[in-house]
Structures are given as C-alpha cells and as structure tokens.
Amino acid sequence: MTANARCPRPVDNVKYRDLGDEFLFYDESGDRLHVLNGSARTIYLFCDGTRTEEQVADDFAMQNEGAADARGDAQKVIAELLELGLLSLS
C-alpha cells in the first residue's frame, strides 16, 4: 500500500440495518434514508478500512467477472457513499 493510498471505511455515526440483499442507512433524526441494492451492499462491505479504493474495485470486479464495467461501477459507488457521508477515508 502506498503512502497516499486511501482506505474507505464505514463512518461511526450512521445507523444501519443489513437486510442481506439490501442495506438501509438512516440518520438519527430519521430525516434521511439511503437504501443500497445488493451490488452496492457488497461494495460497502468491502470498504472495511483495510482495502484501498483500488483494491475494493478490483475485488468487486473479480467477484463479478461477467459484468462489463464492475470496476468502474465500484469506483462510482465508493464516490457516492463518500459524498453521502456513509464512508470516510482512513
């Protein structure tokens, strides 16, 4: 891992519920709710703070060999989750 490698990880202040095929996130006031589909859920779970963004994308692409742009999809999901404040970088 390089010195500039960024490892996405879940934030501590968001409540969630893992439904197996979906992931629900909501803030404490209940004003915002986010639902991740199965693919986004898998990407989120790969973001455990031990893998870089590149490694998460590679792992997701390897798991989804038949998907045309699985790596690019993973990168987009990570960016969106960071923007929504559901992931942070360590």
PDB file of N, CA and C in Angstrom:
ATOM      1  N   MET A   1       0.851  -1.175   0.000  1.00  0.00           N
ATOM      2  CA  MET A   1       0.000   0.000   0.000  1.00  0.00           C
ATOM      3  C   MET A   1       0.894   1.234   0.000  1.00  0.00           C
ATOM      4  N   THR A   2       0.585   2.166  -0.864  1.00  0.00           N
ATOM      5  CA  THR A   2       1.396   3.370  -0.946  1.00  0.00           C
ATOM      6  C   THR A   2       1.018   4.339   0.164  1.00  0.00           C
ATOM      7  N   ALA A   3       1.886   5.312   0.388  1.00  0.00           N
ATOM      8  CA  ALA A   3       1.645   6.291   1.454  1.00  0.00           C
ATOM      9  C   ALA A   3       0.386   7.106   1.188  1.00  0.00           C
ATOM     10  N   ASN A   4       0.024   7.289  -0.075  1.00  0.00           N
ATOM     11  CA  ASN A   4      -1.156   8.082  -0.417  1.00  0.00           C
ATOM     12  C   ASN A   4      -2.411   7.242  -0.601  1.00  0.00           C
ATOM     13  N   ALA A   5      -2.344   5.940  -0.329  1.00  0.00           N
ATOM     14  CA  ALA A   5      -3.491   5.065  -0.517  1.00  0.00           C
ATOM     15  C   ALA A   5      -4.611   5.460   0.441  1.00  0.00           C
ATOM     16  N   ARG A   6      -5.790   5.482  -0.106  1.00  0.00           N
ATOM     17  CA  ARG A   6      -6.956   5.845   0.701  1.00  0.00           C
ATOM     18  C   ARG A   6      -7.789   4.592   0.928  1.00  0.00           C
ATOM     19  N   CYS A   7      -8.111   4.318   2.185  1.00  0.00           N
ATOM     20  CA  CYS A   7      -8.891   3.139   2.551  1.00  0.00           C
ATOM     21  C   CYS A   7     -10.259   3.573   3.062  1.00  0.00           C
ATOM     22  N   PRO A   8     -11.295   3.371   2.252  1.00  0.00           N
ATOM     23  CA  PRO A   8     -12.632   3.742   2.711  1.00  0.00           C
ATOM     24  C   PRO A   8     -13.106   2.801   3.820  1.00  0.00           C
ATOM     25  N   ARG A   9     -13.805   3.389   4.772  1.00  0.00           N
ATOM     26  CA  ARG A   9     -14.351   2.613   5.891  1.00  0.00           C
ATOM     27  C   ARG A   9     -15.676   3.228   6.311  1.00  0.00           C
ATOM     28  N   PRO A  10     -16.543   2.442   6.960  1.00  0.00           N
ATOM     29  CA  PRO A  10     -17.827   2.980   7.417  1.00  0.00           C
ATOM     30  C   PRO A  10     -17.637   4.075   8.466  1.00  0.00           C
ATOM     31  N   VAL A  11     -18.511   5.042   8.454  1.00  0.00           N
ATOM     32  CA  VAL A  11     -18.486   6.065   9.493  1.00  0.00           C
ATOM     33  C   VAL A  11     -19.177   5.506  10.733  1.00  0.00           C
ATOM     34  N   ASP A  12     -18.856   6.087  11.873  1.00  0.00           N
ATOM     35  CA  ASP A  12     -19.383   5.569  13.138  1.00  0.00           C
ATOM     36  C   ASP A  12     -20.751   6.121  13.513  1.00  0.00           C
ATOM     37  N   ASN A  13     -21.119   7.266  12.975  1.00  0.00           N
ATOM     38  CA  ASN A  13     -22.308   7.958  13.464  1.00  0.00           C
ATOM     39  C   ASN A  13     -23.560   7.739  12.616  1.00  0.00           C
ATOM     40  N   VAL A  14     -23.602   6.678  11.822  1.00  0.00           N
ATOM     41  CA  VAL A  14     -24.767   6.406  10.991  1.00  0.00           C
ATOM     42  C   VAL A  14     -25.379   5.082  11.427  1.00  0.00           C
ATOM     43  N   LYS A  15     -26.686   5.077  11.591  1.00  0.00           N
ATOM     44  CA  LYS A  15     -27.373   3.844  11.939  1.00  0.00           C
ATOM     45  C   LYS A  15     -27.674   3.071  10.664  1.00  0.00           C
ATOM     46  N   TYR A  16     -27.650   1.768  10.766  1.00  0.00           N
ATOM     47  CA  TYR A  16     -27.896   0.950   9.579  1.00  0.00           C
ATOM     48  C   TYR A  16     -28.572  -0.360   9.963  1.00  0.00           C
ATOM     49  N   ARG A  17     -29.112  -0.998   8.952  1.00  0.00           N
ATOM     50  CA  ARG A  17     -29.679  -2.329   9.110  1.00  0.00           C
ATOM     51  C   ARG A  17     -29.325  -3.122   7.859  1.00  0.00           C
ATOM     52  N   ASP A  18     -28.692  -4.260   8.058  1.00  0.00           N
ATOM     53  CA  ASP A  18     -28.322  -5.139   6.954  1.00  0.00           C
ATOM     54  C   ASP A  18     -29.447  -6.143   6.771  1.00  0.00           C
ATOM     55  N   LEU A  19     -30.092  -6.097   5.602  1.00  0.00           N
ATOM     56  CA  LEU A  19     -31.206  -6.986   5.318  1.00  0.00           C
ATOM     57  C   LEU A  19     -30.788  -8.180   4.464  1.00  0.00           C
ATOM     58  N   GLY A  20     -29.502  -8.351   4.257  1.00  0.00           N
ATOM     59  CA  GLY A  20     -28.999  -9.477   3.485  1.00  0.00           C
ATOM     60  C   GLY A  20     -28.856  -9.170   2.014  1.00  0.00           C
ATOM     61  N   ASP A  21     -29.926  -8.733   1.376  1.00  0.00           N
ATOM     62  CA  ASP A  21     -29.836  -8.383  -0.040  1.00  0.00           C
ATOM     63  C   ASP A  21     -29.884  -6.875  -0.250  1.00  0.00           C
ATOM     64  N   GLU A  22     -30.073  -6.136   0.810  1.00  0.00           N
ATOM     65  CA  GLU A  22     -30.065  -4.670   0.794  1.00  0.00           C
ATOM     66  C   GLU A  22     -29.461  -4.174   2.095  1.00  0.00           C
ATOM     67  N   PHE A  23     -29.074  -2.913   2.101  1.00  0.00           N
ATOM     68  CA  PHE A  23     -28.531  -2.267   3.290  1.00  0.00           C
ATOM     69  C   PHE A  23     -29.284  -0.957   3.459  1.00  0.00           C
ATOM     70  N   LEU A  24     -29.816  -0.685   4.626  1.00  0.00           N
ATOM     71  CA  LEU A  24     -30.525   0.567   4.905  1.00  0.00           C
ATOM     72  C   LEU A  24     -29.678   1.425   5.833  1.00  0.00           C
ATOM     73  N   PHE A  25     -29.577   2.709   5.517  1.00  0.00           N
ATOM     74  CA  PHE A  25     -28.896   3.680   6.364  1.00  0.00           C
ATOM     75  C   PHE A  25     -29.869   4.795   6.679  1.00  0.00           C
ATOM     76  N   TYR A  26     -29.820   5.300   7.899  1.00  0.00           N
ATOM     77  CA  TYR A  26     -30.659   6.441   8.251  1.00  0.00           C
ATOM     78  C   TYR A  26     -29.966   7.266   9.321  1.00  0.00           C
ATOM     79  N   ASP A  27     -30.258   8.563   9.290  1.00  0.00           N
ATOM     80  CA  ASP A  27     -29.653   9.423  10.297  1.00  0.00           C
ATOM     81  C   ASP A  27     -30.491   9.357  11.568  1.00  0.00           C
ATOM     82  N   GLU A  28     -29.948   9.888  12.649  1.00  0.00           N
ATOM     83  CA  GLU A  28     -30.618   9.789  13.946  1.00  0.00           C
ATOM     84  C   GLU A  28     -31.955  10.505  13.979  1.00  0.00           C
ATOM     85  N   SER A  29     -32.107  11.576  13.219  1.00  0.00           N
ATOM     86  CA  SER A  29     -33.375  12.303  13.226  1.00  0.00           C
ATOM     87  C   SER A  29     -34.423  11.617  12.368  1.00  0.00           C
ATOM     88  N   GLY A  30     -34.000  10.666  11.537  1.00  0.00           N
ATOM     89  CA  GLY A  30     -34.941   9.970  10.670  1.00  0.00           C
ATOM     90  C   GLY A  30     -35.306  10.745   9.428  1.00  0.00           C
ATOM     91  N   ASP A  31     -34.607  11.871   9.177  1.00  0.00           N
ATOM     92  CA  ASP A  31     -34.915  12.699   8.019  1.00  0.00           C
ATOM     93  C   ASP A  31     -34.382  12.125   6.710  1.00  0.00           C
ATOM     94  N   ARG A  32     -33.335  11.320   6.789  1.00  0.00           N
ATOM     95  CA  ARG A  32     -32.705  10.795   5.573  1.00  0.00           C
ATOM     96  C   ARG A  32     -32.603   9.283   5.660  1.00  0.00           C
ATOM     97  N   LEU A  33     -32.915   8.643   4.541  1.00  0.00           N
ATOM     98  CA  LEU A  33     -32.825   7.194   4.435  1.00  0.00           C
ATOM     99  C   LEU A  33     -32.131   6.864   3.128  1.00  0.00           C
ATOM    100  N   HIS A  34     -31.186   5.946   3.163  1.00  0.00           N
ATOM    101  CA  HIS A  34     -30.489   5.501   1.962  1.00  0.00           C
ATOM    102  C   HIS A  34     -30.611   3.984   1.896  1.00  0.00           C
ATOM    103  N   VAL A  35     -30.892   3.468   0.725  1.00  0.00           N
ATOM    104  CA  VAL A  35     -31.007   2.030   0.520  1.00  0.00           C
ATOM    105  C   VAL A  35     -29.981   1.611  -0.526  1.00  0.00           C
ATOM    106  N   LEU A  36     -29.167   0.636  -0.179  1.00  0.00           N
ATOM    107  CA  LEU A  36     -28.198   0.097  -1.120  1.00  0.00           C
ATOM    108  C   LEU A  36     -28.724  -1.225  -1.669  1.00  0.00           C
ATOM    109  N   ASN A  37     -28.651  -1.392  -2.980  1.00  0.00           N
ATOM    110  CA  ASN A  37     -29.026  -2.671  -3.570  1.00  0.00           C
ATOM    111  C   ASN A  37     -27.921  -3.692  -3.273  1.00  0.00           C
ATOM    112  N   GLY A  38     -28.094  -4.907  -3.771  1.00  0.00           N
ATOM    113  CA  GLY A  38     -27.140  -5.972  -3.468  1.00  0.00           C
ATOM    114  C   GLY A  38     -25.722  -5.674  -3.883  1.00  0.00           C
ATOM    115  N   SER A  39     -25.524  -5.130  -5.082  1.00  0.00           N
ATOM    116  CA  SER A  39     -24.171  -4.821  -5.552  1.00  0.00           C
ATOM    117  C   SER A  39     -23.532  -3.726  -4.712  1.00  0.00           C
ATOM    118  N   ALA A  40     -24.275  -2.659  -4.448  1.00  0.00           N
ATOM    119  CA  ALA A  40     -23.743  -1.561  -3.638  1.00  0.00           C
ATOM    120  C   ALA A  40     -23.465  -2.036  -2.211  1.00  0.00           C
ATOM    121  N   ARG A  41     -24.308  -2.946  -1.707  1.00  0.00           N
ATOM    122  CA  ARG A  41     -24.103  -3.528  -0.379  1.00  0.00           C
ATOM    123  C   ARG A  41     -22.763  -4.258  -0.342  1.00  0.00           C
ATOM    124  N   THR A  42     -22.493  -5.062  -1.365  1.00  0.00           N
ATOM    125  CA  THR A  42     -21.231  -5.805  -1.427  1.00  0.00           C
ATOM    126  C   THR A  42     -20.042  -4.849  -1.431  1.00  0.00           C
ATOM    127  N   ILE A  43     -20.129  -3.804  -2.228  1.00  0.00           N
ATOM    128  CA  ILE A  43     -19.045  -2.815  -2.291  1.00  0.00           C
ATOM    129  C   ILE A  43     -18.859  -2.163  -0.925  1.00  0.00           C
ATOM    130  N   TYR A  44     -19.954  -1.767  -0.285  1.00  0.00           N
ATOM    131  CA  TYR A  44     -19.891  -1.162   1.043  1.00  0.00           C
ATOM    132  C   TYR A  44     -19.186  -2.104   2.029  1.00  0.00           C
ATOM    133  N   LEU A  45     -19.538  -3.369   1.999  1.00  0.00           N
ATOM    134  CA  LEU A  45     -18.937  -4.324   2.930  1.00  0.00           C
ATOM    135  C   LEU A  45     -17.453  -4.543   2.653  1.00  0.00           C
ATOM    136  N   PHE A  46     -17.027  -4.401   1.395  1.00  0.00           N
ATOM    137  CA  PHE A  46     -15.599  -4.469   1.072  1.00  0.00           C
ATOM    138  C   PHE A  46     -14.848  -3.265   1.644  1.00  0.00           C
ATOM    139  N   CYS A  47     -15.541  -2.172   1.883  1.00  0.00           N
ATOM    140  CA  CYS A  47     -14.926  -0.939   2.404  1.00  0.00           C
ATOM    141  C   CYS A  47     -14.816  -1.039   3.923  1.00  0.00           C
ATOM    142  N   ASP A  48     -13.893  -1.854   4.383  1.00  0.00           N
ATOM    143  CA  ASP A  48     -13.747  -2.111   5.813  1.00  0.00           C
ATOM    144  C   ASP A  48     -12.548  -1.411   6.441  1.00  0.00           C
ATOM    145  N   GLY A  49     -11.898  -0.536   5.663  1.00  0.00           N
ATOM    146  CA  GLY A  49     -10.750   0.196   6.183  1.00  0.00           C
ATOM    147  C   GLY A  49      -9.434  -0.516   5.983  1.00  0.00           C
ATOM    148  N   THR A  50      -9.471  -1.743   5.448  1.00  0.00           N
ATOM    149  CA  THR A  50      -8.235  -2.496   5.218  1.00  0.00           C
ATOM    150  C   THR A  50      -7.850  -2.533   3.744  1.00  0.00           C
ATOM    151  N   ARG A  51      -8.777  -2.155   2.862  1.00  0.00           N
ATOM    152  CA  ARG A  51      -8.525  -2.163   1.423  1.00  0.00           C
ATOM    153  C   ARG A  51      -8.547  -0.733   0.903  1.00  0.00           C
ATOM    154  N   THR A  52      -7.691  -0.468  -0.077  1.00  0.00           N
ATOM    155  CA  THR A  52      -7.742   0.835  -0.742  1.00  0.00           C
ATOM    156  C   THR A  52      -8.953   0.851  -1.672  1.00  0.00           C
ATOM    157  N   GLU A  53      -9.272   2.025  -2.189  1.00  0.00           N
ATOM    158  CA  GLU A  53     -10.356   2.132  -3.158  1.00  0.00           C
ATOM    159  C   GLU A  53     -10.095   1.230  -4.359  1.00  0.00           C
ATOM    160  N   GLU A  54      -8.838   1.187  -4.788  1.00  0.00           N
ATOM    161  CA  GLU A  54      -8.455   0.346  -5.931  1.00  0.00           C
ATOM    162  C   GLU A  54      -8.659  -1.132  -5.622  1.00  0.00           C
ATOM    163  N   GLN A  55      -8.295  -1.545  -4.412  1.00  0.00           N
ATOM    164  CA  GLN A  55      -8.453  -2.946  -4.031  1.00  0.00           C
ATOM    165  C   GLN A  55      -9.923  -3.327  -3.939  1.00  0.00           C
ATOM    166  N   VAL A  56     -10.742  -2.435  -3.419  1.00  0.00           N
ATOM    167  CA  VAL A  56     -12.186  -2.695  -3.359  1.00  0.00           C
ATOM    168  C   VAL A  56     -12.729  -2.881  -4.770  1.00  0.00           C
ATOM    169  N   ALA A  57     -12.362  -1.986  -5.677  1.00  0.00           N
ATOM    170  CA  ALA A  57     -12.827  -2.080  -7.059  1.00  0.00           C
ATOM    171  C   ALA A  57     -12.344  -3.375  -7.702  1.00  0.00           C
ATOM    172  N   ASP A  58     -11.090  -3.745  -7.465  1.00  0.00           N
ATOM    173  CA  ASP A  58     -10.545  -4.989  -8.014  1.00  0.00           C
ATOM    174  C   ASP A  58     -11.275  -6.208  -7.459  1.00  0.00           C
ATOM    175  N   ASP A  59     -11.501  -6.226  -6.147  1.00  0.00           N
ATOM    176  CA  ASP A  59     -12.197  -7.357  -5.518  1.00  0.00           C
ATOM    177  C   ASP A  59     -13.622  -7.485  -6.045  1.00  0.00           C
ATOM    178  N   PHE A  60     -14.299  -6.352  -6.195  1.00  0.00           N
ATOM    179  CA  PHE A  60     -15.669  -6.390  -6.716  1.00  0.00           C
ATOM    180  C   PHE A  60     -15.683  -6.874  -8.162  1.00  0.00           C
ATOM    181  N   ALA A  61     -14.726  -6.408  -8.965  1.00  0.00           N
ATOM    182  CA  ALA A  61     -14.648  -6.838 -10.360  1.00  0.00           C
ATOM    183  C   ALA A  61     -14.354  -8.331 -10.454  1.00  0.00           C
ATOM    184  N   MET A  62     -13.500  -8.824  -9.582  1.00  0.00           N
ATOM    185  CA  MET A  62     -13.168 -10.246  -9.586  1.00  0.00           C
ATOM    186  C   MET A  62     -14.406 -11.086  -9.227  1.00  0.00           C
ATOM    187  N   GLN A  63     -15.189 -10.587  -8.290  1.00  0.00           N
ATOM    188  CA  GLN A  63     -16.394 -11.303  -7.871  1.00  0.00           C
ATOM    189  C   GLN A  63     -17.465 -11.271  -8.957  1.00  0.00           C
ATOM    190  N   ASN A  64     -17.423 -10.265  -9.830  1.00  0.00           N
ATOM    191  CA  ASN A  64     -18.437 -10.080 -10.870  1.00  0.00           C
ATOM    192  C   ASN A  64     -17.798 -10.134 -12.252  1.00  0.00           C
ATOM    193  N   GLU A  65     -17.142 -11.231 -12.535  1.00  0.00           N
ATOM    194  CA  GLU A  65     -16.390 -11.387 -13.778  1.00  0.00           C
ATOM    195  C   GLU A  65     -17.198 -11.068 -15.027  1.00  0.00           C
ATOM    196  N   GLY A  66     -18.476 -11.406 -15.044  1.00  0.00           N
ATOM    197  CA  GLY A  66     -19.284 -11.205 -16.235  1.00  0.00           C
ATOM    198  C   GLY A  66     -19.763  -9.779 -16.440  1.00  0.00           C
ATOM    199  N   ALA A  67     -19.649  -8.943 -15.425  1.00  0.00           N
ATOM    200  CA  ALA A  67     -20.135  -7.567 -15.526  1.00  0.00           C
ATOM    201  C   ALA A  67     -19.166  -6.731 -16.361  1.00  0.00           C
ATOM    202  N   ALA A  68     -19.717  -5.984 -17.296  1.00  0.00           N
ATOM    203  CA  ALA A  68     -18.903  -5.217 -18.247  1.00  0.00           C
ATOM    204  C   ALA A  68     -17.991  -4.208 -17.561  1.00  0.00           C
ATOM    205  N   ASP A  69     -18.502  -3.431 -16.638  1.00  0.00           N
ATOM    206  CA  ASP A  69     -17.692  -2.387 -16.016  1.00  0.00           C
ATOM    207  C   ASP A  69     -17.811  -2.444 -14.497  1.00  0.00           C
ATOM    208  N   ALA A  70     -17.625  -3.636 -13.935  1.00  0.00           N
ATOM    209  CA  ALA A  70     -17.768  -3.803 -12.492  1.00  0.00           C
ATOM    210  C   ALA A  70     -16.783  -2.921 -11.723  1.00  0.00           C
ATOM    211  N   ARG A  71     -15.579  -2.799 -12.227  1.00  0.00           N
ATOM    212  CA  ARG A  71     -14.570  -1.975 -11.551  1.00  0.00           C
ATOM    213  C   ARG A  71     -14.986  -0.512 -11.522  1.00  0.00           C
ATOM    214  N   GLY A  72     -15.434  -0.008 -12.663  1.00  0.00           N
ATOM    215  CA  GLY A  72     -15.907   1.377 -12.742  1.00  0.00           C
ATOM    216  C   GLY A  72     -17.140   1.602 -11.885  1.00  0.00           C
ATOM    217  N   ASP A  73     -18.025   0.612 -11.865  1.00  0.00           N
ATOM    218  CA  ASP A  73     -19.220   0.718 -11.019  1.00  0.00           C
ATOM    219  C   ASP A  73     -18.838   0.821  -9.554  1.00  0.00           C
ATOM    220  N   ALA A  74     -17.870   0.018  -9.128  1.00  0.00           N
ATOM    221  CA  ALA A  74     -17.424   0.057  -7.738  1.00  0.00           C
ATOM    222  C   ALA A  74     -16.841   1.423  -7.397  1.00  0.00           C
ATOM    223  N   GLN A  75     -16.053   1.981  -8.296  1.00  0.00           N
ATOM    224  CA  GLN A  75     -15.472   3.296  -8.052  1.00  0.00           C
ATOM    225  C   GLN A  75     -16.560   4.363  -7.919  1.00  0.00           C
ATOM    226  N   LYS A  76     -17.602   4.271  -8.740  1.00  0.00           N
ATOM    227  CA  LYS A  76     -18.710   5.231  -8.656  1.00  0.00           C
ATOM    228  C   LYS A  76     -19.457   5.091  -7.339  1.00  0.00           C
ATOM    229  N   VAL A  77     -19.718   3.856  -6.925  1.00  0.00           N
ATOM    230  CA  VAL A  77     -20.440   3.625  -5.669  1.00  0.00           C
ATOM    231  C   VAL A  77     -19.626   4.160  -4.492  1.00  0.00           C
ATOM    232  N   ILE A  78     -18.338   3.901  -4.475  1.00  0.00           N
ATOM    233  CA  ILE A  78     -17.495   4.409  -3.387  1.00  0.00           C
ATOM    234  C   ILE A  78     -17.556   5.929  -3.337  1.00  0.00           C
ATOM    235  N   ALA A  79     -17.455   6.575  -4.482  1.00  0.00           N
ATOM    236  CA  ALA A  79     -17.518   8.042  -4.529  1.00  0.00           C
ATOM    237  C   ALA A  79     -18.855   8.549  -3.999  1.00  0.00           C
ATOM    238  N   GLU A  80     -19.944   7.893  -4.381  1.00  0.00           N
ATOM    239  CA  GLU A  80     -21.272   8.308  -3.909  1.00  0.00           C
ATOM    240  C   GLU A  80     -21.415   8.103  -2.410  1.00  0.00           C
ATOM    241  N   LEU A  81     -20.925   6.979  -1.890  1.00  0.00           N
ATOM    242  CA  LEU A  81     -21.018   6.717  -0.455  1.00  0.00           C
ATOM    243  C   LEU A  81     -20.169   7.691   0.347  1.00  0.00           C
ATOM    244  N   LEU A  82     -19.030   8.078  -0.198  1.00  0.00           N
ATOM    245  CA  LEU A  82     -18.213   9.106   0.451  1.00  0.00           C
ATOM    246  C   LEU A  82     -18.949  10.440   0.459  1.00  0.00           C
ATOM    247  N   GLU A  83     -19.557  10.791  -0.661  1.00  0.00           N
ATOM    248  CA  GLU A  83     -20.280  12.053  -0.763  1.00  0.00           C
ATOM    249  C   GLU A  83     -21.477  12.093   0.180  1.00  0.00           C
ATOM    250  N   LEU A  84     -22.148  10.964   0.336  1.00  0.00           N
ATOM    251  CA  LEU A  84     -23.302  10.885   1.231  1.00  0.00           C
ATOM    252  C   LEU A  84     -22.898  10.836   2.707  1.00  0.00           C
ATOM    253  N   GLY A  85     -21.609  10.665   2.973  1.00  0.00           N
ATOM    254  CA  GLY A  85     -21.147  10.607   4.348  1.00  0.00           C
ATOM    255  C   GLY A  85     -21.336   9.241   4.989  1.00  0.00           C
ATOM    256  N   LEU A  86     -21.510   8.208   4.189  1.00  0.00           N
ATOM    257  CA  LEU A  86     -21.668   6.850   4.728  1.00  0.00           C
ATOM    258  C   LEU A  86     -20.321   6.136   4.851  1.00  0.00           C
ATOM    259  N   LEU A  87     -19.325   6.636   4.130  1.00  0.00           N
ATOM    260  CA  LEU A  87     -17.953   6.153   4.240  1.00  0.00           C
ATOM    261  C   LEU A  87     -17.040   7.333   4.516  1.00  0.00           C
ATOM    262  N   SER A  88     -15.915   7.050   5.135  1.00  0.00           N
ATOM    263  CA  SER A  88     -14.856   8.044   5.282  1.00  0.00           C
ATOM    264  C   SER A  88     -13.552   7.396   4.849  1.00  0.00           C
ATOM    265  N   LEU A  89     -12.514   8.188   4.718  1.00  0.00           N
ATOM    266  CA  LEU A  89     -11.220   7.680   4.281  1.00  0.00           C
ATOM    267  C   LEU A  89     -10.251   7.665   5.442  1.00  0.00           C
ATOM    268  N   SER A  90      -9.533   6.557   5.561  1.00  0.00           N
ATOM    269  CA  SER A  90      -8.536   6.459   6.638  1.00  0.00           C
ATOM    270  C   SER A  90      -7.151   6.447   6.044  1.00  0.00           C
TER     271      SER A  90
END
